[in-house]
Amino acid sequence: MGKIQAHTPHVSAADMAAFVSDVREQGRELYRDLPWRNTRDPYEIWISEVMLQQTQVARVLTRWERFLARFPTVDALAAASPGDVVEEWQGMGYNRRALALKRAADICSEQYGGCMPEGVEALVGLPGIGEATAAGITAFSRDVPCVYIETNVRAVFIHRFFPDEERVTDKQLRPLVEAACPTEDVRGWYYALLDVGAHLKRTQVNPSRRAAAYTRQSAFEGSRRQKRSWLLREVMASPGIESEELLARLNRIEREAGRDGVDRATFDSIMGDLEREGFFVRSASGWLIA
């Protein structure tokens, strides 16, 4: 294991300029003509950024345009029911992202006239939008300099400036990312970083695994997350289903997969979480999508 470095290395202006030039050149060679790169609409870019947070590019390519066809504007997303948004999100994983999109759209429709607020600070005030997503929206829609740190960007900076270090923090990366960011063609710069980072991750040991922010995703099958996802789909398919029938169906599926059944306490805990998070409502007839 490499040494742990607690500081940001000093990089001269000349070395940083050389790094930027190298990334720009590689980025031109590796450029991916992705559909969300052909828009400056902050809403459309927001949807792509949220989709790409924890989903592979190949999957997002099949869903981004479909989502926008159903919810083409902030106001259209705000006018939809949470159930409609979650339904459209199925297959993308991490369904909380869909609810956060809906809640943020409600705020933008009510408080910003159907537009998204400008600037990183304003954007991070919306549900589900962290600093990286806010910076991505700002850079790609407005071409404004900002600090955009996500997994592919981490890969490039860690590979170049932290070749032997482990657990590199975003605090260490931030001054370097900020110093490298140009005042013009910010979009092109970050596209280059994303494409070079994706190439590094495909062709060698993924440098972003040495980031403190890196976490290995736990197995989905048999997990609580898998049961949440199954229950969500089942209630969508059978609105008004009662708890006893829903639990019986879940246990039948679990046993067919060679796993133990779910006890009532665990089932009630999962359903309670989904209800509190805004996915379900409990009616006199049974469970419904909110």
Protein backbone atom coordinates (compact mmCIF):
# COMPACT_ATOMS: atom_id res chain seq x y z
CA MET A 1 0.00 0.00 0.00
CA GLY A 2 1.28 3.46 -0.87
CA LYS A 3 1.91 6.14 1.66
CA ILE A 4 -0.87 8.37 2.92
CA GLN A 5 -0.35 12.02 2.01
CA ALA A 6 -2.20 14.66 4.00
CA HIS A 7 -1.34 17.68 1.88
CA THR A 8 -1.72 18.96 -1.66
CA PRO A 9 1.55 18.87 -3.60
CA HIS A 10 2.95 22.15 -4.90
CA VAL A 11 2.54 22.38 -8.65
CA SER A 12 4.28 25.18 -10.54
CA ALA A 13 2.39 27.24 -13.09
CA ALA A 14 4.47 25.68 -15.85
CA ASP A 15 3.71 22.13 -14.71
CA MET A 16 0.01 22.89 -14.40
CA ALA A 17 -0.03 24.40 -17.88
CA ALA A 18 1.66 21.27 -19.24
CA PHE A 19 -0.87 19.07 -17.46
CA VAL A 20 -3.79 21.06 -18.88
CA SER A 21 -2.30 20.88 -22.37
CA ASP A 22 -1.82 17.11 -22.12
CA VAL A 23 -5.39 16.54 -20.90
CA ARG A 24 -6.80 18.79 -23.61
CA GLU A 25 -4.90 16.87 -26.30
CA GLN A 26 -5.91 13.47 -24.96
CA GLY A 27 -9.46 14.69 -24.53
CA ARG A 28 -9.71 15.59 -28.22
CA GLU A 29 -8.62 12.07 -29.14
CA LEU A 30 -10.93 10.36 -26.63
CA TYR A 31 -13.97 12.65 -26.99
CA ARG A 32 -17.35 10.92 -26.56
CA ASP A 33 -20.21 12.57 -28.43
CA LEU A 34 -22.84 12.02 -25.75
CA PRO A 35 -26.30 13.56 -26.35
CA TRP A 36 -26.32 15.67 -23.17
CA ARG A 37 -23.16 17.36 -24.41
CA ASN A 38 -25.16 18.90 -27.24
CA THR A 39 -27.33 21.08 -25.02
CA ARG A 40 -26.86 24.06 -22.77
CA ASP A 41 -30.26 23.72 -21.14
CA PRO A 42 -29.55 23.53 -17.39
CA TYR A 43 -32.62 21.33 -16.82
CA GLU A 44 -31.52 18.76 -19.38
CA ILE A 45 -27.96 18.82 -18.02
CA TRP A 46 -29.28 18.43 -14.47
CA ILE A 47 -31.15 15.28 -15.44
CA SER A 48 -28.03 13.83 -17.06
CA GLU A 49 -25.85 14.69 -14.07
CA VAL A 50 -28.23 13.01 -11.62
CA MET A 51 -28.59 9.95 -13.85
CA LEU A 52 -24.82 9.61 -14.17
CA GLN A 53 -24.17 9.79 -10.41
CA GLN A 54 -24.47 6.06 -9.82
CA THR A 55 -25.38 4.62 -13.22
CA GLN A 56 -23.19 3.57 -16.14
CA VAL A 57 -23.11 5.81 -19.22
CA ALA A 58 -24.46 2.98 -21.40
CA ARG A 59 -27.61 2.75 -19.29
CA VAL A 60 -28.09 6.53 -19.19
CA LEU A 61 -27.87 6.63 -23.00
CA THR A 62 -31.02 4.51 -23.14
CA ARG A 63 -32.97 6.59 -20.63
CA TRP A 64 -32.04 10.29 -20.74
CA GLU A 65 -33.95 11.18 -23.89
CA ARG A 66 -36.91 9.03 -22.82
CA PHE A 67 -37.12 10.83 -19.47
CA LEU A 68 -37.01 14.22 -21.18
CA ALA A 69 -39.68 13.17 -23.65
CA ARG A 70 -42.01 12.46 -20.73
CA PHE A 71 -40.92 15.42 -18.58
CA PRO A 72 -39.49 17.97 -21.06
CA THR A 73 -39.28 20.94 -18.67
CA VAL A 74 -38.95 21.79 -15.01
CA ASP A 75 -42.65 22.65 -14.91
CA ALA A 76 -43.59 19.35 -16.55
CA LEU A 77 -41.62 17.45 -13.93
CA ALA A 78 -43.18 19.50 -11.15
CA ALA A 79 -46.68 18.82 -12.51
CA ALA A 80 -46.12 15.07 -12.49
CA SER A 81 -46.96 12.90 -9.51
CA PRO A 82 -44.11 11.36 -7.50
CA GLY A 83 -45.40 7.97 -8.65
CA ASP A 84 -45.08 8.94 -12.31
CA VAL A 85 -41.50 10.09 -11.81
CA VAL A 86 -40.52 6.97 -9.85
CA GLU A 87 -42.20 4.81 -12.50
CA GLU A 88 -40.14 6.42 -15.26
CA TRP A 89 -37.00 6.00 -13.16
CA GLN A 90 -37.39 2.23 -12.83
CA GLY A 91 -34.27 0.36 -13.95
CA MET A 92 -31.97 3.26 -13.10
CA GLY A 93 -31.46 2.26 -9.45
CA TYR A 94 -31.33 4.40 -6.31
CA ASN A 95 -34.96 5.51 -6.56
CA ARG A 96 -34.40 8.27 -3.98
CA ARG A 97 -32.85 10.23 -6.84
CA ALA A 98 -36.21 10.29 -8.62
CA LEU A 99 -38.00 11.71 -5.59
CA ALA A 100 -35.26 14.30 -5.12
CA LEU A 101 -35.66 15.37 -8.76
CA LYS A 102 -39.38 15.80 -8.25
CA ARG A 103 -38.95 17.82 -5.02
CA ALA A 104 -36.33 20.07 -6.59
CA ALA A 105 -38.53 20.62 -9.64
CA ASP A 106 -41.40 21.65 -7.35
CA ILE A 107 -39.18 24.31 -5.77
CA CYS A 108 -37.88 25.58 -9.14
CA SER A 109 -41.43 25.80 -10.49
CA GLU A 110 -42.76 27.61 -7.43
CA GLN A 111 -39.83 29.88 -6.59
CA TYR A 112 -37.87 30.39 -9.82
CA GLY A 113 -40.57 30.63 -12.46
CA GLY A 114 -39.92 27.19 -13.90
CA CYS A 115 -36.20 27.84 -14.29
CA MET A 116 -33.23 26.52 -12.36
CA PRO A 117 -31.35 28.99 -10.16
CA GLU A 118 -27.93 30.12 -11.33
CA GLY A 119 -24.70 29.41 -9.50
CA VAL A 120 -23.34 26.59 -7.39
CA GLU A 121 -24.48 28.06 -4.07
CA ALA A 122 -28.07 28.45 -5.20
CA LEU A 123 -28.20 25.02 -6.79
CA VAL A 124 -26.93 23.14 -3.74
CA GLY A 125 -29.95 24.47 -1.87
CA LEU A 126 -32.17 22.16 -3.92
CA PRO A 127 -32.96 18.59 -2.82
CA GLY A 128 -30.55 15.99 -4.15
CA ILE A 129 -28.08 18.49 -5.61
CA GLY A 130 -24.65 18.37 -4.03
CA GLU A 131 -21.62 20.46 -4.90
CA ALA A 132 -20.48 18.20 -7.74
CA THR A 133 -23.89 18.16 -9.43
CA ALA A 134 -24.25 21.92 -8.97
CA ALA A 135 -20.80 22.48 -10.48
CA GLY A 136 -21.61 20.19 -13.40
CA ILE A 137 -24.83 22.07 -14.16
CA THR A 138 -22.99 25.40 -13.90
CA ALA A 139 -20.01 24.40 -16.02
CA PHE A 140 -21.92 22.63 -18.77
CA SER A 141 -24.86 25.02 -19.08
CA ARG A 142 -23.16 28.38 -18.48
CA ASP A 143 -19.48 27.70 -19.19
CA VAL A 144 -18.62 29.33 -15.87
CA PRO A 145 -15.41 28.34 -14.01
CA CYS A 146 -16.13 26.16 -10.99
CA VAL A 147 -14.71 23.19 -9.11
CA TYR A 148 -16.25 20.00 -10.50
CA ILE A 149 -15.02 16.86 -8.74
CA GLU A 150 -16.51 13.50 -9.64
CA THR A 151 -15.06 10.03 -10.08
CA ASN A 152 -13.46 10.47 -13.52
CA VAL A 153 -12.04 13.87 -12.58
CA ARG A 154 -10.60 12.32 -9.43
CA ALA A 155 -9.01 9.57 -11.52
CA VAL A 156 -7.07 12.04 -13.68
CA PHE A 157 -5.81 14.24 -10.85
CA ILE A 158 -4.89 11.31 -8.59
CA HIS A 159 -3.08 9.56 -11.45
CA ARG A 160 -1.05 12.68 -12.25
CA PHE A 161 -0.43 14.31 -8.88
CA PHE A 162 -0.78 11.50 -6.31
CA PRO A 163 0.85 8.48 -8.00
CA ASP A 164 1.79 6.69 -4.75
CA GLU A 165 -0.78 7.94 -2.26
CA GLU A 166 -3.86 6.30 -0.78
CA ARG A 167 -7.05 7.84 0.59
CA VAL A 168 -6.64 11.09 -1.32
CA THR A 169 -9.34 13.50 -0.18
CA ASP A 170 -11.35 15.97 -2.21
CA LYS A 171 -9.91 18.66 0.07
CA GLN A 172 -6.46 17.78 -1.32
CA LEU A 173 -7.76 17.68 -4.89
CA ARG A 174 -9.76 20.89 -4.76
CA PRO A 175 -6.88 23.41 -5.05
CA LEU A 176 -5.51 21.52 -8.05
CA VAL A 177 -8.88 21.25 -9.79
CA GLU A 178 -9.48 24.94 -9.14
CA ALA A 179 -6.04 25.94 -10.44
CA ALA A 180 -6.47 23.87 -13.60
CA CYS A 181 -9.92 25.18 -14.46
CA PRO A 182 -9.76 27.67 -17.35
CA THR A 183 -11.67 30.93 -17.64
CA GLU A 184 -12.96 29.97 -21.10
CA ASP A 185 -14.30 26.73 -22.60
CA VAL A 186 -14.95 25.29 -19.17
CA ARG A 187 -17.29 22.77 -20.78
CA GLY A 188 -14.57 21.49 -23.07
CA TRP A 189 -12.08 21.25 -20.22
CA TYR A 190 -14.30 19.14 -18.03
CA TYR A 191 -15.40 16.97 -20.97
CA ALA A 192 -11.72 16.27 -21.59
CA LEU A 193 -11.17 15.35 -17.94
CA LEU A 194 -14.21 13.06 -17.96
CA ASP A 195 -13.09 11.25 -21.10
CA VAL A 196 -9.46 10.91 -20.04
CA GLY A 197 -10.59 9.67 -16.63
CA ALA A 198 -12.92 7.10 -18.18
CA HIS A 199 -10.03 5.91 -20.37
CA LEU A 200 -7.70 5.59 -17.38
CA LYS A 201 -10.28 3.52 -15.51
CA ARG A 202 -10.67 1.17 -18.48
CA THR A 203 -6.99 0.69 -19.25
CA GLN A 204 -5.32 0.37 -15.84
CA VAL A 205 -6.03 -0.06 -12.17
CA ASN A 206 -8.68 2.55 -11.47
CA PRO A 207 -6.89 5.54 -9.87
CA SER A 208 -10.13 6.76 -8.29
CA ARG A 209 -10.05 3.71 -5.98
CA ARG A 210 -7.31 5.56 -4.12
CA ALA A 211 -9.72 8.41 -3.37
CA ALA A 212 -11.05 8.74 0.15
CA ALA A 213 -14.49 9.18 -1.43
CA TYR A 214 -14.32 5.77 -3.14
CA THR A 215 -16.63 3.09 -1.81
CA ARG A 216 -17.13 -0.36 -3.26
CA GLN A 217 -20.80 -0.97 -3.96
CA SER A 218 -22.24 -3.80 -1.90
CA ALA A 219 -23.93 -6.77 -3.57
CA PHE A 220 -27.47 -5.96 -4.68
CA GLU A 221 -29.03 -9.40 -4.72
CA GLY A 222 -30.36 -10.35 -1.30
CA SER A 223 -29.75 -6.87 0.10
CA ARG A 224 -32.25 -4.58 1.75
CA ARG A 225 -31.90 -2.33 -1.31
CA GLN A 226 -33.00 -5.21 -3.55
CA LYS A 227 -36.07 -5.84 -1.38
CA ARG A 228 -36.95 -2.12 -1.43
CA SER A 229 -36.74 -2.09 -5.21
CA TRP A 230 -38.86 -5.22 -5.55
CA LEU A 231 -41.52 -3.90 -3.17
CA LEU A 232 -41.68 -0.61 -5.06
CA ARG A 233 -42.24 -2.37 -8.38
CA GLU A 234 -44.82 -4.71 -6.86
CA VAL A 235 -46.91 -1.89 -5.39
CA MET A 236 -46.76 -0.11 -8.75
CA ALA A 237 -48.04 -3.27 -10.42
CA SER A 238 -50.68 -3.99 -7.75
CA PRO A 239 -51.95 -0.69 -6.29
CA GLY A 240 -53.97 -1.22 -3.13
CA ILE A 241 -52.23 -4.46 -2.23
CA GLU A 242 -52.41 -5.32 1.47
CA SER A 243 -49.36 -5.93 3.64
CA GLU A 244 -50.08 -9.65 4.18
CA GLU A 245 -50.27 -10.36 0.45
CA LEU A 246 -47.26 -8.19 -0.31
CA LEU A 247 -45.16 -9.96 2.32
CA ALA A 248 -46.30 -13.36 1.06
CA ARG A 249 -45.28 -12.47 -2.51
CA LEU A 250 -41.93 -11.12 -1.36
CA ASN A 251 -41.17 -14.30 0.60
CA ARG A 252 -42.16 -16.45 -2.34
CA ILE A 253 -39.69 -14.58 -4.55
CA GLU A 254 -36.97 -14.73 -1.89
CA ARG A 255 -37.32 -18.50 -1.43
CA GLU A 256 -37.38 -19.09 -5.18
CA ALA A 257 -34.03 -17.31 -5.25
CA GLY A 258 -32.70 -19.66 -2.56
CA ARG A 259 -32.79 -17.08 0.22
CA ASP A 260 -34.50 -17.07 3.59
CA GLY A 261 -37.85 -15.37 3.88
CA VAL A 262 -38.29 -11.92 5.39
CA ASP A 263 -39.78 -11.66 8.87
CA ARG A 264 -42.64 -9.29 9.58
CA ALA A 265 -40.51 -6.85 11.58
CA THR A 266 -38.05 -6.44 8.70
CA PHE A 267 -40.88 -6.05 6.20
CA ASP A 268 -42.59 -3.41 8.35
CA SER A 269 -39.29 -1.58 8.73
CA ILE A 270 -38.70 -1.46 4.97
CA MET A 271 -42.25 -0.39 4.21
CA GLY A 272 -42.08 2.22 6.95
CA ASP A 273 -38.90 3.65 5.41
CA LEU A 274 -40.49 3.78 1.96
CA GLU A 275 -43.57 5.50 3.36
CA ARG A 276 -41.53 8.11 5.28
CA GLU A 277 -39.37 8.80 2.22
CA GLY A 278 -42.45 9.57 0.14
CA PHE A 279 -42.66 6.51 -2.09
CA PHE A 280 -45.82 4.98 -0.60
CA VAL A 281 -49.02 6.03 1.08
CA ARG A 282 -51.15 3.66 3.09
CA SER A 283 -54.86 3.75 2.25
CA ALA A 284 -57.84 1.91 3.69
CA SER A 285 -57.54 -0.60 0.84
CA GLY A 286 -53.78 -1.10 1.07
CA TRP A 287 -50.52 0.34 -0.24
CA LEU A 288 -50.40 2.90 -3.02
CA ILE A 289 -47.66 4.83 -4.82
CA ALA A 290 -47.58 8.40 -3.51
